[in-house]
Protein backbone atom coordinates (compact mmCIF):
# COMPACT_ATOMS: atom_id res chain seq x y z
CA MET A 1 73.97 77.35 91.01
CA LYS A 2 77.57 77.11 89.75
CA TYR A 3 76.59 78.91 86.56
CA ARG A 4 75.01 81.78 88.51
CA ILE A 5 78.03 82.00 90.81
CA TRP A 6 80.40 82.43 87.87
CA VAL A 7 78.11 84.96 86.19
CA ALA A 8 78.05 87.01 89.41
CA LEU A 9 81.80 86.65 89.89
CA ILE A 10 82.52 87.83 86.35
CA ALA A 11 80.14 90.73 86.94
CA VAL A 12 82.16 91.73 90.01
CA TYR A 13 85.44 91.39 88.09
CA LEU A 14 84.22 93.59 85.24
CA ALA A 15 82.22 96.09 87.28
CA TRP A 16 84.95 96.78 89.82
CA GLY A 17 87.91 96.30 87.52
CA SER A 18 86.54 98.97 85.20
CA THR A 19 85.70 101.58 87.85
CA TYR A 20 89.22 103.03 87.77
CA LEU A 21 88.86 103.89 84.09
CA ALA A 22 85.37 105.28 84.73
CA ILE A 23 86.83 107.49 87.47
CA ARG A 24 89.49 108.75 85.08
CA PHE A 25 86.85 109.66 82.49
CA ALA A 26 84.60 111.28 85.11
CA VAL A 27 87.27 113.56 86.59
CA GLU A 28 88.36 114.82 83.16
CA THR A 29 85.69 117.53 83.30
CA MET A 30 84.16 117.12 86.78
CA PRO A 31 85.75 118.24 90.08
CA PRO A 32 86.89 114.99 91.73
CA PHE A 33 85.49 115.36 95.25
CA LEU A 34 82.11 116.71 94.13
CA MET A 35 81.88 113.97 91.52
CA ALA A 36 82.57 111.27 94.12
CA ALA A 37 80.20 112.91 96.60
CA SER A 38 77.35 112.93 94.09
CA ARG A 39 78.07 109.34 93.12
CA PHE A 40 77.91 108.02 96.68
CA LEU A 41 74.95 110.15 97.76
CA VAL A 42 72.87 108.96 94.81
CA ALA A 43 73.93 105.30 95.04
CA GLY A 44 73.67 105.32 98.85
CA ALA A 45 70.17 106.80 98.80
CA ILE A 46 68.97 104.25 96.23
CA LEU A 47 70.47 101.35 98.14
CA TYR A 48 69.22 102.59 101.51
CA LEU A 49 65.64 103.12 100.33
CA TRP A 50 65.61 99.74 98.61
CA ARG A 51 66.81 97.86 101.67
CA ARG A 52 64.39 99.66 104.00
CA SER A 53 61.54 98.87 101.61
CA GLN A 54 62.60 95.21 101.76
CA GLY A 55 62.14 95.15 105.51
CA ASP A 56 65.62 95.90 106.87
CA HIS A 57 65.37 97.33 110.37
CA PRO A 58 66.42 100.96 110.98
CA ALA A 59 69.98 101.32 112.18
CA THR A 60 70.73 102.29 115.76
CA LYS A 61 72.82 105.33 116.73
CA ARG A 62 75.73 102.99 117.50
CA GLU A 63 75.46 101.44 114.04
CA TRP A 64 75.31 104.87 112.38
CA LEU A 65 78.43 105.93 114.31
CA SER A 66 80.32 102.83 113.19
CA ALA A 67 79.14 103.30 109.60
CA ALA A 68 80.25 106.94 109.76
CA ILE A 69 83.77 106.02 110.87
CA VAL A 70 84.08 103.30 108.22
CA GLY A 71 82.60 105.54 105.53
CA LEU A 72 84.96 108.42 106.33
CA LEU A 73 88.01 106.17 106.25
CA LEU A 74 87.05 104.17 103.17
CA LEU A 75 85.24 106.70 101.01
CA VAL A 76 86.55 110.13 102.03
CA GLY A 77 90.07 108.90 102.78
CA GLY A 78 90.40 105.95 100.42
CA ASN A 79 88.18 106.74 97.44
CA GLY A 80 88.65 110.50 97.79
CA SER A 81 92.39 110.02 97.45
CA VAL A 82 91.89 107.84 94.38
CA VAL A 83 89.65 110.27 92.49
CA TRP A 84 92.06 113.14 93.20
CA ALA A 85 95.14 111.12 92.22
CA GLU A 86 93.62 109.97 88.93
CA GLN A 87 94.00 113.54 87.71
CA ARG A 88 97.76 112.81 87.73
CA VAL A 89 98.10 109.03 87.36
CA VAL A 90 96.55 106.76 84.71
CA SER A 91 93.81 104.39 85.81
CA GLY A 92 95.73 101.11 85.43
CA VAL A 93 98.60 102.29 87.58
CA ALA A 94 96.15 103.70 90.14
CA ALA A 95 94.41 100.32 90.38
CA LEU A 96 97.74 98.58 90.83
CA ILE A 97 98.93 100.86 93.64
CA VAL A 98 95.69 100.81 95.61
CA GLY A 99 95.47 97.08 95.02
CA SER A 100 98.29 96.86 97.56
CA ALA A 101 95.80 97.48 100.40
CA PRO A 102 96.02 93.83 101.59
CA LEU A 103 99.75 94.38 102.23
CA TRP A 104 98.93 97.22 104.63
CA MET A 105 96.19 95.16 106.24
CA VAL A 106 98.63 92.38 107.12
CA ILE A 107 101.06 94.89 108.67
CA LEU A 108 98.42 96.86 110.58
CA ASP A 109 96.75 93.69 111.81
CA ALA A 110 100.07 92.49 113.24
CA LEU A 111 100.88 95.82 114.92
CA ARG A 112 97.52 96.57 116.55
CA PRO A 113 96.85 95.43 120.15
CA ASN A 114 95.93 91.74 120.25
CA GLY A 115 96.58 91.63 116.53
CA ARG A 116 97.19 88.55 114.44
CA TRP A 117 100.77 87.80 113.37
CA PRO A 118 100.91 86.82 109.69
CA SER A 119 102.04 83.46 108.42
CA GLY A 120 105.38 83.01 106.73
CA TRP A 121 103.70 82.95 103.31
CA ALA A 122 101.87 86.18 104.07
CA LEU A 123 105.13 87.86 105.13
CA LEU A 124 106.71 86.71 101.88
CA GLY A 125 103.75 88.18 100.02
CA VAL A 126 104.17 91.51 101.82
CA ALA A 127 107.88 91.60 100.95
CA PHE A 128 107.25 90.91 97.27
CA GLY A 129 104.39 93.39 97.23
CA PHE A 130 106.56 96.25 98.39
CA ILE A 131 109.26 95.23 95.91
CA GLY A 132 106.59 95.59 93.23
CA ILE A 133 105.66 99.05 94.51
CA VAL A 134 109.31 100.13 94.36
CA ILE A 135 109.52 98.81 90.80
CA LEU A 136 106.41 100.77 89.86
CA ILE A 137 107.11 104.14 91.48
CA GLY A 138 110.80 104.06 92.40
CA PRO A 139 113.38 106.36 90.82
CA ILE A 140 114.30 105.36 87.26
CA GLN A 141 118.03 105.57 87.97
CA ILE A 142 117.65 102.93 90.70
CA ILE A 143 115.38 100.41 88.99
CA GLY A 144 116.60 100.95 85.44
CA LEU A 145 113.11 100.94 83.86
CA HIS A 146 111.56 103.79 81.93
CA GLY A 147 108.08 105.23 82.41
CA ASP A 148 107.77 107.99 84.99
CA ILE A 149 104.92 107.81 87.51
CA ASP A 150 103.87 111.14 89.04
CA PRO A 151 105.33 110.97 92.58
CA ILE A 152 102.63 113.09 94.23
CA GLY A 153 99.85 111.07 92.64
CA ALA A 154 101.58 107.82 93.59
CA GLY A 155 102.01 109.01 97.17
CA VAL A 156 98.32 109.90 97.46
CA LEU A 157 97.38 106.47 96.09
CA LEU A 158 99.56 104.77 98.71
CA LEU A 159 97.74 106.87 101.31
CA ALA A 160 94.45 105.63 99.83
CA ALA A 161 95.54 102.01 100.23
CA PHE A 162 96.66 102.66 103.81
CA LEU A 163 93.40 104.38 104.80
CA TRP A 164 91.38 101.64 103.13
CA ALA A 165 93.27 99.01 105.11
CA THR A 166 92.71 100.99 108.33
CA GLY A 167 88.98 101.30 107.69
CA SER A 168 88.70 97.62 106.79
CA LEU A 169 90.37 96.55 110.02
CA TYR A 170 88.15 98.86 112.07
CA ASN A 171 85.17 97.34 110.29
CA ARG A 172 85.99 93.89 111.63
CA ASP A 173 84.76 94.59 115.15
CA ALA A 174 82.44 97.52 114.44
CA ARG A 175 78.76 97.34 115.34
CA LEU A 176 77.01 97.50 111.96
CA PRO A 177 73.54 96.51 110.72
CA ALA A 178 72.86 92.82 110.14
CA SER A 179 72.03 93.64 106.51
CA PRO A 180 75.33 94.12 104.64
CA LEU A 181 73.77 96.22 101.89
CA LEU A 182 72.05 98.51 104.41
CA GLY A 183 75.40 99.00 106.15
CA THR A 184 77.08 99.75 102.81
CA SER A 185 74.39 102.30 101.93
CA MET A 186 74.94 104.07 105.26
CA GLU A 187 78.68 104.23 104.63
CA MET A 188 78.00 105.67 101.19
CA LEU A 189 75.69 108.35 102.57
CA VAL A 190 78.16 109.45 105.26
CA GLY A 191 81.12 109.17 102.89
CA GLY A 192 79.27 111.15 100.24
CA ALA A 193 78.48 113.89 102.77
CA GLY A 194 82.13 113.97 103.84
CA LEU A 195 83.31 114.28 100.23
CA LEU A 196 80.80 117.07 99.68
CA VAL A 197 82.31 118.98 102.60
CA LEU A 198 85.82 118.28 101.30
CA GLY A 199 84.92 119.51 97.82
CA THR A 200 83.43 122.67 99.32
CA LEU A 201 86.50 123.36 101.47
CA THR A 202 88.84 122.92 98.50
CA GLY A 203 86.87 125.36 96.36
CA GLU A 204 85.53 122.88 93.83
CA TRP A 205 82.18 124.65 93.43
CA SER A 206 83.97 127.47 91.62
CA ARG A 207 85.41 124.89 89.21
CA LEU A 208 82.09 123.18 88.53
CA TYR A 209 80.83 124.28 85.10
CA LEU A 210 77.87 122.13 84.09
CA PRO A 211 77.88 123.02 80.35
CA GLY A 212 81.55 122.05 80.24
CA ILE A 213 81.02 118.48 81.46
CA SER A 214 81.76 116.13 78.58
CA LEU A 215 79.61 113.20 77.51
CA ARG A 216 82.46 110.84 78.41
CA SER A 217 82.58 112.22 81.95
CA LEU A 218 78.81 111.88 82.32
CA LEU A 219 78.92 108.29 81.08
CA GLY A 220 81.77 107.51 83.46
CA PHE A 221 79.82 109.06 86.34
CA ALA A 222 76.67 107.08 85.51
CA TYR A 223 78.71 103.88 85.18
CA LEU A 224 80.18 104.40 88.64
CA ILE A 225 76.72 104.70 90.18
CA VAL A 226 75.02 101.84 88.35
CA PHE A 227 77.78 99.27 87.96
CA GLY A 228 80.50 100.29 90.41
CA ALA A 229 78.19 100.85 93.37
CA LEU A 230 74.88 99.08 92.78
CA VAL A 231 75.40 96.07 90.48
CA GLY A 232 78.84 95.28 91.88
CA PHE A 233 77.73 95.30 95.50
CA VAL A 234 74.56 93.28 94.98
CA ALA A 235 76.54 90.59 93.13
CA TYR A 236 79.37 90.68 95.69
CA THR A 237 77.07 90.38 98.71
CA TRP A 238 75.15 87.50 97.11
CA LEU A 239 78.42 85.70 96.36
CA LEU A 240 79.55 85.98 99.97
CA ARG A 241 76.46 84.05 101.00
CA VAL A 242 76.61 81.24 98.42
CA ALA A 243 80.24 80.88 97.29
CA PRO A 244 83.51 80.02 99.10
CA THR A 245 85.25 83.08 100.53
CA THR A 246 88.52 82.11 98.82
CA LEU A 247 86.76 82.19 95.44
CA VAL A 248 85.07 85.53 96.07
CA SER A 249 88.34 87.05 97.29
CA THR A 250 89.94 86.48 93.88
CA TYR A 251 88.57 89.89 92.84
CA ALA A 252 91.44 91.43 94.87
CA TYR A 253 94.04 90.37 92.33
CA VAL A 254 91.88 90.05 89.20
CA ASN A 255 90.52 93.61 89.32
CA PRO A 256 93.89 95.41 88.96
CA LEU A 257 94.68 93.29 85.89
CA ILE A 258 91.34 94.14 84.32
CA ALA A 259 91.90 97.83 85.12
CA ILE A 260 95.34 97.79 83.48
CA PHE A 261 94.19 96.16 80.26
CA MET A 262 90.97 98.17 80.00
CA GLY A 263 92.96 101.35 80.44
CA SER A 264 95.28 100.23 77.65
CA LEU A 265 92.48 99.20 75.29
CA LEU A 266 90.01 102.04 75.87
CA ALA A 267 92.23 104.96 76.89
CA ALA A 268 95.58 104.10 75.25
CA GLU A 269 97.34 103.95 78.60
CA PRO A 270 100.90 102.70 78.07
CA LEU A 271 101.72 99.10 78.99
CA THR A 272 105.42 99.61 79.70
CA PRO A 273 107.76 96.86 80.94
CA ARG A 274 107.85 98.73 84.25
CA VAL A 275 104.07 98.46 84.67
CA LEU A 276 103.94 94.82 83.56
CA ILE A 277 106.75 93.68 85.89
CA ALA A 278 105.24 95.59 88.81
CA ALA A 279 101.81 94.15 88.01
CA VAL A 280 103.07 90.58 88.11
CA THR A 281 104.88 91.23 91.39
CA ILE A 282 102.13 93.12 93.22
CA VAL A 283 99.22 91.02 91.99
CA GLY A 284 101.15 87.83 92.76
CA SER A 285 101.88 89.05 96.28
CA VAL A 286 98.21 89.92 96.90
CA ALA A 287 97.18 86.49 95.61
CA LEU A 288 99.68 84.84 97.95
CA ILE A 289 98.36 86.80 100.95
CA THR A 290 94.70 86.26 100.05
CA LEU A 291 95.02 82.52 99.50
CA THR A 292 97.22 81.78 102.53
CA GLN A 293 95.77 84.24 105.05
CA PRO A 294 92.09 84.89 104.28
CA PHE A 295 90.45 87.71 106.21
CA LYS A 296 87.53 87.10 108.54
CA PRO A 297 84.28 86.39 106.71
CA LYS A 298 82.34 88.55 109.23
CA ALA A 299 83.93 91.75 108.02
CA GLU A 300 83.20 90.91 104.40
CA VAL A 301 79.60 89.99 105.07
CA ASP A 302 78.95 93.01 107.28
CA SER A 303 79.69 95.79 104.85
CA GLY A 304 81.87 94.87 101.92
CA ALA A 305 84.78 96.79 103.37
CA PHE A 306 87.42 94.76 101.58
CA VAL A 307 86.67 95.98 98.09
CA SER A 308 89.25 98.27 96.63
CA PRO A 309 89.09 102.06 97.03
CA GLY A 310 87.96 102.61 93.48
CA SER A 311 85.08 100.23 93.60
CA GLN A 312 82.49 101.40 96.11
């Protein structure tokens, strides 16, 4: 059993840590919102049909409504922001910024009615996390480190992390199907539909030129469906049932590191001192929060809402 747990955990690390680079390749020649919409509609349909064929009960209207809200926040707001921003920001930096979602979750959880006040260690993690964000995207003349990060792209990625945290917190008490994979497939279907509408409203159909889509973009798109959505979620959901939550949650700070080094190795993304210092600070802060203030297992088991915005 231990061997299978580690195989599944490594699969989650690699599948989700590499999705940011796959997104970057996919949006090189594909409109971002339409690409993401197609990805989630295909993956969601496959996952939904599979779970229904395995005997999962049909969702109620209440469950569809909850899945719609979660899907719009996580996939249209969170992932949609990521795919757009990766036109302006390299994949490793994108993974690092959106990996700050647990910082926002701690803050939002404390501020909401009847929320949970964080522990002292979690507050320390939040403080160090935001220091890391300032190091990564702050003005060069203030932090004294070279390596400009596009401010608009960085701002959209921070919005992605915030929306992901909001959707994850809503997911905690939402009425969702008992089957976590069925709930995830419903979120993908609604999120994919929302991204399709967004791509239409922003005029992406006029930019879609099928003969101009590169092989690298097609491979990135296929990778996102097969590994990012299907393989990653099956392994993740199985782990939540057989492995300690603290072990499974390590993906939150391992994935950004994998994304950074894969971007450097496969796409020649620069590993500047600025990125490395910020990575140590942000990833360390997320690890501190995750290990000292674990989130409720129910939310993780229900729909996988705590994965990062680039992963679903």
